[in-house]
Amino acid sequence: MERVISEPVVVEWGAPGTPTAFRWRQRQYRIAEVLSDVREPDYRRNWRLRRHRRRLVVHTDEGRWFELYA
């Protein structure tokens, strides 16, 4: 079952740009594998203020997967 939950998470980063874990709802999740890492331009802003959003699809060491936006 998929559902969107718009809540903040805190991502821990390891080697250059590699996520290693994240904290959500007072629980720590270790990332076993990054399945997808895509940077998308944020077209809602003026081109001078534009930054890229980052979408990560990760697989945890417990066998769950999450889609995170940064």
N, C-alpha and C. Protein backbone atom coordinates (compact mmCIF):
# COMPACT_ATOMS: atom_id res chain seq x y z
N MET A 1 0.83 -1.17 0.00
CA MET A 1 0.00 0.00 0.00
C MET A 1 0.88 1.24 0.00
N GLU A 2 0.64 2.15 -0.93
CA GLU A 2 1.39 3.39 -1.00
C GLU A 2 0.53 4.54 -0.49
N ARG A 3 1.17 5.45 0.24
CA ARG A 3 0.48 6.66 0.66
C ARG A 3 1.51 7.76 0.86
N VAL A 4 1.07 8.99 0.66
CA VAL A 4 1.94 10.13 0.82
C VAL A 4 1.76 10.69 2.22
N ILE A 5 2.88 10.83 2.91
CA ILE A 5 2.88 11.41 4.26
C ILE A 5 3.82 12.61 4.20
N SER A 6 3.26 13.77 4.31
CA SER A 6 4.05 14.99 4.21
C SER A 6 4.51 15.43 5.60
N GLU A 7 5.57 14.78 6.07
CA GLU A 7 6.14 15.09 7.37
C GLU A 7 7.65 15.24 7.22
N PRO A 8 8.27 16.08 8.04
CA PRO A 8 9.72 16.26 7.94
C PRO A 8 10.49 15.04 8.43
N VAL A 9 11.61 14.80 7.77
CA VAL A 9 12.55 13.76 8.21
C VAL A 9 13.94 14.41 8.29
N VAL A 10 14.81 13.83 9.09
CA VAL A 10 16.19 14.30 9.18
C VAL A 10 17.07 13.21 8.57
N VAL A 11 17.79 13.58 7.51
CA VAL A 11 18.63 12.62 6.79
C VAL A 11 20.07 12.77 7.26
N GLU A 12 20.73 11.65 7.54
CA GLU A 12 22.16 11.64 7.87
C GLU A 12 22.93 11.28 6.60
N TRP A 13 23.97 12.06 6.33
CA TRP A 13 24.74 11.88 5.10
C TRP A 13 26.13 11.34 5.43
N GLY A 14 26.60 10.42 4.60
CA GLY A 14 27.92 9.84 4.77
C GLY A 14 28.87 10.40 3.72
N ALA A 15 29.46 9.52 2.93
CA ALA A 15 30.37 9.92 1.86
C ALA A 15 29.66 10.95 0.98
N PRO A 16 30.40 11.72 0.22
CA PRO A 16 29.83 12.85 -0.53
C PRO A 16 28.46 12.58 -1.15
N GLY A 17 27.43 13.14 -0.52
CA GLY A 17 26.08 13.05 -1.05
C GLY A 17 25.38 11.72 -0.88
N THR A 18 25.90 10.82 -0.07
CA THR A 18 25.29 9.51 0.11
C THR A 18 24.54 9.44 1.44
N PRO A 19 23.23 9.21 1.39
CA PRO A 19 22.47 9.11 2.64
C PRO A 19 22.74 7.77 3.33
N THR A 20 22.90 7.79 4.65
CA THR A 20 23.18 6.57 5.39
C THR A 20 22.03 6.17 6.31
N ALA A 21 21.24 7.16 6.73
CA ALA A 21 20.12 6.89 7.64
C ALA A 21 19.19 8.10 7.64
N PHE A 22 17.99 7.91 8.19
CA PHE A 22 17.10 9.04 8.40
C PHE A 22 16.25 8.79 9.64
N ARG A 23 15.80 9.88 10.24
CA ARG A 23 14.97 9.82 11.45
C ARG A 23 13.60 10.35 11.09
N TRP A 24 12.56 9.55 11.41
CA TRP A 24 11.18 9.92 11.14
C TRP A 24 10.32 9.43 12.30
N ARG A 25 9.52 10.32 12.86
CA ARG A 25 8.65 10.00 14.00
C ARG A 25 9.41 9.36 15.15
N GLN A 26 10.50 9.98 15.54
CA GLN A 26 11.37 9.54 16.64
C GLN A 26 11.95 8.13 16.45
N ARG A 27 12.06 7.69 15.22
CA ARG A 27 12.63 6.38 14.95
C ARG A 27 13.75 6.50 13.91
N GLN A 28 14.82 5.78 14.12
CA GLN A 28 15.97 5.80 13.23
C GLN A 28 15.85 4.66 12.22
N TYR A 29 16.03 4.97 10.95
CA TYR A 29 16.03 3.97 9.87
C TYR A 29 17.39 3.98 9.20
N ARG A 30 18.04 2.85 9.12
CA ARG A 30 19.32 2.72 8.42
C ARG A 30 19.05 2.40 6.96
N ILE A 31 19.73 3.09 6.08
CA ILE A 31 19.54 2.89 4.64
C ILE A 31 20.51 1.81 4.17
N ALA A 32 19.95 0.74 3.62
CA ALA A 32 20.76 -0.37 3.11
C ALA A 32 21.14 -0.14 1.65
N GLU A 33 20.24 0.53 0.89
CA GLU A 33 20.50 0.72 -0.54
C GLU A 33 19.72 1.94 -1.03
N VAL A 34 20.36 2.70 -1.90
CA VAL A 34 19.68 3.81 -2.56
C VAL A 34 19.24 3.30 -3.93
N LEU A 35 17.93 3.20 -4.13
CA LEU A 35 17.39 2.66 -5.38
C LEU A 35 17.33 3.71 -6.48
N SER A 36 17.12 4.97 -6.09
CA SER A 36 17.05 6.05 -7.07
C SER A 36 17.47 7.35 -6.40
N ASP A 37 18.18 8.17 -7.14
CA ASP A 37 18.61 9.48 -6.66
C ASP A 37 18.49 10.45 -7.83
N VAL A 38 17.42 11.26 -7.84
CA VAL A 38 17.13 12.14 -8.97
C VAL A 38 17.03 13.57 -8.49
N ARG A 39 17.69 14.47 -9.20
CA ARG A 39 17.58 15.91 -8.91
C ARG A 39 16.67 16.52 -9.97
N GLU A 40 15.63 17.21 -9.49
CA GLU A 40 14.64 17.81 -10.40
C GLU A 40 14.61 19.32 -10.18
N PRO A 41 14.60 20.11 -11.26
CA PRO A 41 14.49 21.57 -11.08
C PRO A 41 13.12 21.92 -10.49
N ASP A 42 13.11 22.92 -9.64
CA ASP A 42 11.88 23.40 -9.04
C ASP A 42 11.37 24.56 -9.90
N TYR A 43 10.45 24.27 -10.82
CA TYR A 43 9.97 25.27 -11.76
C TYR A 43 8.96 26.24 -11.16
N ARG A 44 8.63 26.07 -9.90
CA ARG A 44 7.67 26.98 -9.26
C ARG A 44 8.31 28.33 -8.94
N ARG A 45 9.62 28.41 -8.96
CA ARG A 45 10.32 29.65 -8.62
C ARG A 45 10.87 30.33 -9.87
N ASN A 46 11.15 31.61 -9.73
CA ASN A 46 11.80 32.37 -10.76
C ASN A 46 13.15 31.72 -11.06
N TRP A 47 13.62 31.78 -12.29
CA TRP A 47 14.84 31.06 -12.67
C TRP A 47 16.04 31.48 -11.84
N ARG A 48 16.09 32.74 -11.37
CA ARG A 48 17.24 33.19 -10.57
C ARG A 48 17.23 32.62 -9.16
N LEU A 49 16.04 32.29 -8.67
CA LEU A 49 15.92 31.76 -7.32
C LEU A 49 15.75 30.24 -7.29
N ARG A 50 15.73 29.65 -8.47
CA ARG A 50 15.45 28.23 -8.60
C ARG A 50 16.53 27.36 -7.98
N ARG A 51 16.14 26.31 -7.33
CA ARG A 51 17.07 25.31 -6.83
C ARG A 51 16.51 23.94 -7.21
N HIS A 52 17.31 22.94 -7.09
CA HIS A 52 16.89 21.60 -7.47
C HIS A 52 16.36 20.85 -6.26
N ARG A 53 15.24 20.16 -6.46
CA ARG A 53 14.75 19.25 -5.43
C ARG A 53 15.42 17.91 -5.66
N ARG A 54 15.61 17.18 -4.59
CA ARG A 54 16.25 15.88 -4.69
C ARG A 54 15.26 14.82 -4.23
N ARG A 55 15.04 13.81 -5.07
CA ARG A 55 14.13 12.72 -4.73
C ARG A 55 14.94 11.44 -4.58
N LEU A 56 14.85 10.85 -3.39
CA LEU A 56 15.57 9.62 -3.09
C LEU A 56 14.58 8.49 -2.84
N VAL A 57 14.80 7.37 -3.45
CA VAL A 57 14.05 6.16 -3.13
C VAL A 57 15.05 5.24 -2.46
N VAL A 58 14.76 4.88 -1.20
CA VAL A 58 15.72 4.10 -0.41
C VAL A 58 15.08 2.82 0.13
N HIS A 59 15.93 1.85 0.35
CA HIS A 59 15.55 0.56 0.92
C HIS A 59 16.25 0.46 2.27
N THR A 60 15.48 0.20 3.33
CA THR A 60 16.08 0.14 4.67
C THR A 60 16.58 -1.26 4.98
N ASP A 61 17.36 -1.36 6.05
CA ASP A 61 17.88 -2.67 6.45
C ASP A 61 16.77 -3.57 7.02
N GLU A 62 15.58 -3.01 7.26
CA GLU A 62 14.44 -3.80 7.73
C GLU A 62 13.57 -4.31 6.58
N GLY A 63 13.94 -3.95 5.34
CA GLY A 63 13.18 -4.42 4.18
C GLY A 63 12.09 -3.47 3.72
N ARG A 64 11.98 -2.29 4.32
CA ARG A 64 10.98 -1.32 3.89
C ARG A 64 11.61 -0.35 2.90
N TRP A 65 10.80 0.30 2.05
CA TRP A 65 11.33 1.32 1.17
C TRP A 65 10.56 2.61 1.37
N PHE A 66 11.26 3.71 1.16
CA PHE A 66 10.71 5.05 1.36
C PHE A 66 11.14 5.94 0.21
N GLU A 67 10.29 6.91 -0.12
CA GLU A 67 10.62 7.94 -1.09
C GLU A 67 10.75 9.24 -0.32
N LEU A 68 11.95 9.82 -0.34
CA LEU A 68 12.25 11.03 0.45
C LEU A 68 12.52 12.19 -0.49
N TYR A 69 12.08 13.38 -0.10
CA TYR A 69 12.35 14.60 -0.87
C TYR A 69 13.19 15.54 -0.05
N ALA A 70 14.22 16.08 -0.67
CA ALA A 70 15.10 17.03 0.03
C ALA A 70 15.19 18.31 -0.78
